[in-house]
Each structure stands twice: as structure tokens, then as C-alpha cells.
Amino acid sequence: MGRGRAKAKQTKVARELKYFSPDTDLNALERELRHANPHEPESVTESDQDDGDEYDDYADWAARH
């Protein structure tokens, strides 16, 4: 039936997201930030590393030429 209902639904969802303010546990946030050491880099595990993307082949080709 037209776009009226779909637009109304999108507007409702957008408004809910805009004005949604979840309860934030500021004490937990403070503990997390306090334990973080900015001078120590995070360890990168093998699963966190980038597996590459669609441009890796081009980068290899470009480096050779």
C-alpha cells in the first residue's frame, strides 16, 4: 500500500534510537579505564589480524612494477 506506513515505522524507530538513553554503569567504565595502560600496546592475536582484502593482489602487483 504505498510508503506511508513504512515511513512512519522508520520515523518511529529513528526517534526511539535518538532518544534512547540506557543506564550507564559509570563505576564499571571508570574501573575499565583505570586498568588500561596507554603505554603498553595491546597484544595482537592471530585471529585479530587482517586476513587481507580484495586489493592485496593489486598491491603486490603494483609493488613489483
C-alpha atoms as a PDB file:
ATOM      1  CA  MET A   1       0.000   0.000   0.000  1.00  0.00           C
ATOM      2  CA  GLY A   2       2.309   2.929  -0.506  1.00  0.00           C
ATOM      3  CA  ARG A   3       5.131   4.243   1.540  1.00  0.00           C
ATOM      4  CA  GLY A   4       3.202   5.904   4.373  1.00  0.00           C
ATOM      5  CA  ARG A   5       3.321   3.038   6.842  1.00  0.00           C
ATOM      6  CA  ALA A   6       6.942   2.175   6.082  1.00  0.00           C
ATOM      7  CA  LYS A   7       7.998   5.794   6.539  1.00  0.00           C
ATOM      8  CA  ALA A   8       6.034   6.060   9.775  1.00  0.00           C
ATOM      9  CA  LYS A   9       7.716   2.916  11.080  1.00  0.00           C
ATOM     10  CA  GLN A  10      11.180   4.229  10.138  1.00  0.00           C
ATOM     11  CA  THR A  11      10.419   7.552  11.816  1.00  0.00           C
ATOM     12  CA  LYS A  12       9.278   5.769  14.972  1.00  0.00           C
ATOM     13  CA  VAL A  13      12.386   3.590  15.098  1.00  0.00           C
ATOM     14  CA  ALA A  14      14.680   6.562  14.424  1.00  0.00           C
ATOM     15  CA  ARG A  15      13.025   8.572  17.183  1.00  0.00           C
ATOM     16  CA  GLU A  16      13.377   5.677  19.647  1.00  0.00           C
ATOM     17  CA  LEU A  17      17.063   5.328  18.808  1.00  0.00           C
ATOM     18  CA  LYS A  18      17.662   9.070  19.056  1.00  0.00           C
ATOM     19  CA  TYR A  19      16.137   9.462  22.497  1.00  0.00           C
ATOM     20  CA  PHE A  20      17.139   6.073  23.944  1.00  0.00           C
ATOM     21  CA  SER A  21      19.474   6.537  26.891  1.00  0.00           C
ATOM     22  CA  PRO A  22      20.476   3.264  28.527  1.00  0.00           C
ATOM     23  CA  ASP A  23      21.639   3.229  32.124  1.00  0.00           C
ATOM     24  CA  THR A  24      25.420   3.510  32.064  1.00  0.00           C
ATOM     25  CA  ASP A  25      27.467   1.874  34.783  1.00  0.00           C
ATOM     26  CA  LEU A  26      29.959   4.677  35.314  1.00  0.00           C
ATOM     27  CA  ASN A  27      31.798   2.775  38.039  1.00  0.00           C
ATOM     28  CA  ALA A  28      32.497  -0.119  35.670  1.00  0.00           C
ATOM     29  CA  LEU A  29      33.643   2.320  32.998  1.00  0.00           C
ATOM     30  CA  GLU A  30      35.996   4.009  35.454  1.00  0.00           C
ATOM     31  CA  ARG A  31      37.473   0.636  36.502  1.00  0.00           C
ATOM     32  CA  GLU A  32      37.986  -0.337  32.870  1.00  0.00           C
ATOM     33  CA  LEU A  33      39.687   2.937  32.009  1.00  0.00           C
ATOM     34  CA  ARG A  34      41.830   2.843  35.124  1.00  0.00           C
ATOM     35  CA  HIS A  35      43.200  -0.609  34.277  1.00  0.00           C
ATOM     36  CA  ALA A  36      44.048   0.337  30.714  1.00  0.00           C
ATOM     37  CA  ASN A  37      47.723   1.219  30.290  1.00  0.00           C
ATOM     38  CA  PRO A  38      48.187   3.657  27.388  1.00  0.00           C
ATOM     39  CA  HIS A  39      51.936   2.982  27.216  1.00  0.00           C
ATOM     40  CA  GLU A  40      51.560  -0.753  26.704  1.00  0.00           C
ATOM     41  CA  PRO A  41      50.368  -1.815  23.221  1.00  0.00           C
ATOM     42  CA  GLU A  42      47.667  -4.408  23.037  1.00  0.00           C
ATOM     43  CA  SER A  43      48.795  -7.833  22.002  1.00  0.00           C
ATOM     44  CA  VAL A  44      47.508  -8.878  18.605  1.00  0.00           C
ATOM     45  CA  THR A  45      46.477 -12.478  18.267  1.00  0.00           C
ATOM     46  CA  GLU A  46      46.414 -14.343  15.002  1.00  0.00           C
ATOM     47  CA  SER A  47      42.614 -14.236  14.917  1.00  0.00           C
ATOM     48  CA  ASP A  48      42.683 -10.418  15.278  1.00  0.00           C
ATOM     49  CA  GLN A  49      44.962  -9.907  12.292  1.00  0.00           C
ATOM     50  CA  ASP A  50      43.508  -8.839   8.968  1.00  0.00           C
ATOM     51  CA  ASP A  51      43.225 -11.720   6.518  1.00  0.00           C
ATOM     52  CA  GLY A  52      43.660  -9.333   3.628  1.00  0.00           C
ATOM     53  CA  ASP A  53      41.206  -7.814   1.284  1.00  0.00           C
ATOM     54  CA  GLU A  54      40.377  -7.693  -2.387  1.00  0.00           C
ATOM     55  CA  TYR A  55      43.145  -5.173  -3.128  1.00  0.00           C
ATOM     56  CA  ASP A  56      46.076  -7.253  -1.805  1.00  0.00           C
ATOM     57  CA  ASP A  57      46.754  -8.781  -5.210  1.00  0.00           C
ATOM     58  CA  TYR A  58      46.831  -5.337  -6.804  1.00  0.00           C
ATOM     59  CA  ALA A  59      49.181  -4.016  -4.110  1.00  0.00           C
ATOM     60  CA  ASP A  60      51.567  -6.907  -4.749  1.00  0.00           C
ATOM     61  CA  TRP A  61      51.411  -6.314  -8.492  1.00  0.00           C
ATOM     62  CA  ALA A  62      51.933  -2.570  -8.074  1.00  0.00           C
ATOM     63  CA  ALA A  63      54.945  -3.128  -5.824  1.00  0.00           C
ATOM     64  CA  ARG A  64      56.621  -5.254  -8.497  1.00  0.00           C
ATOM     65  CA  HIS A  65      56.010  -2.731 -11.315  1.00  0.00           C
END
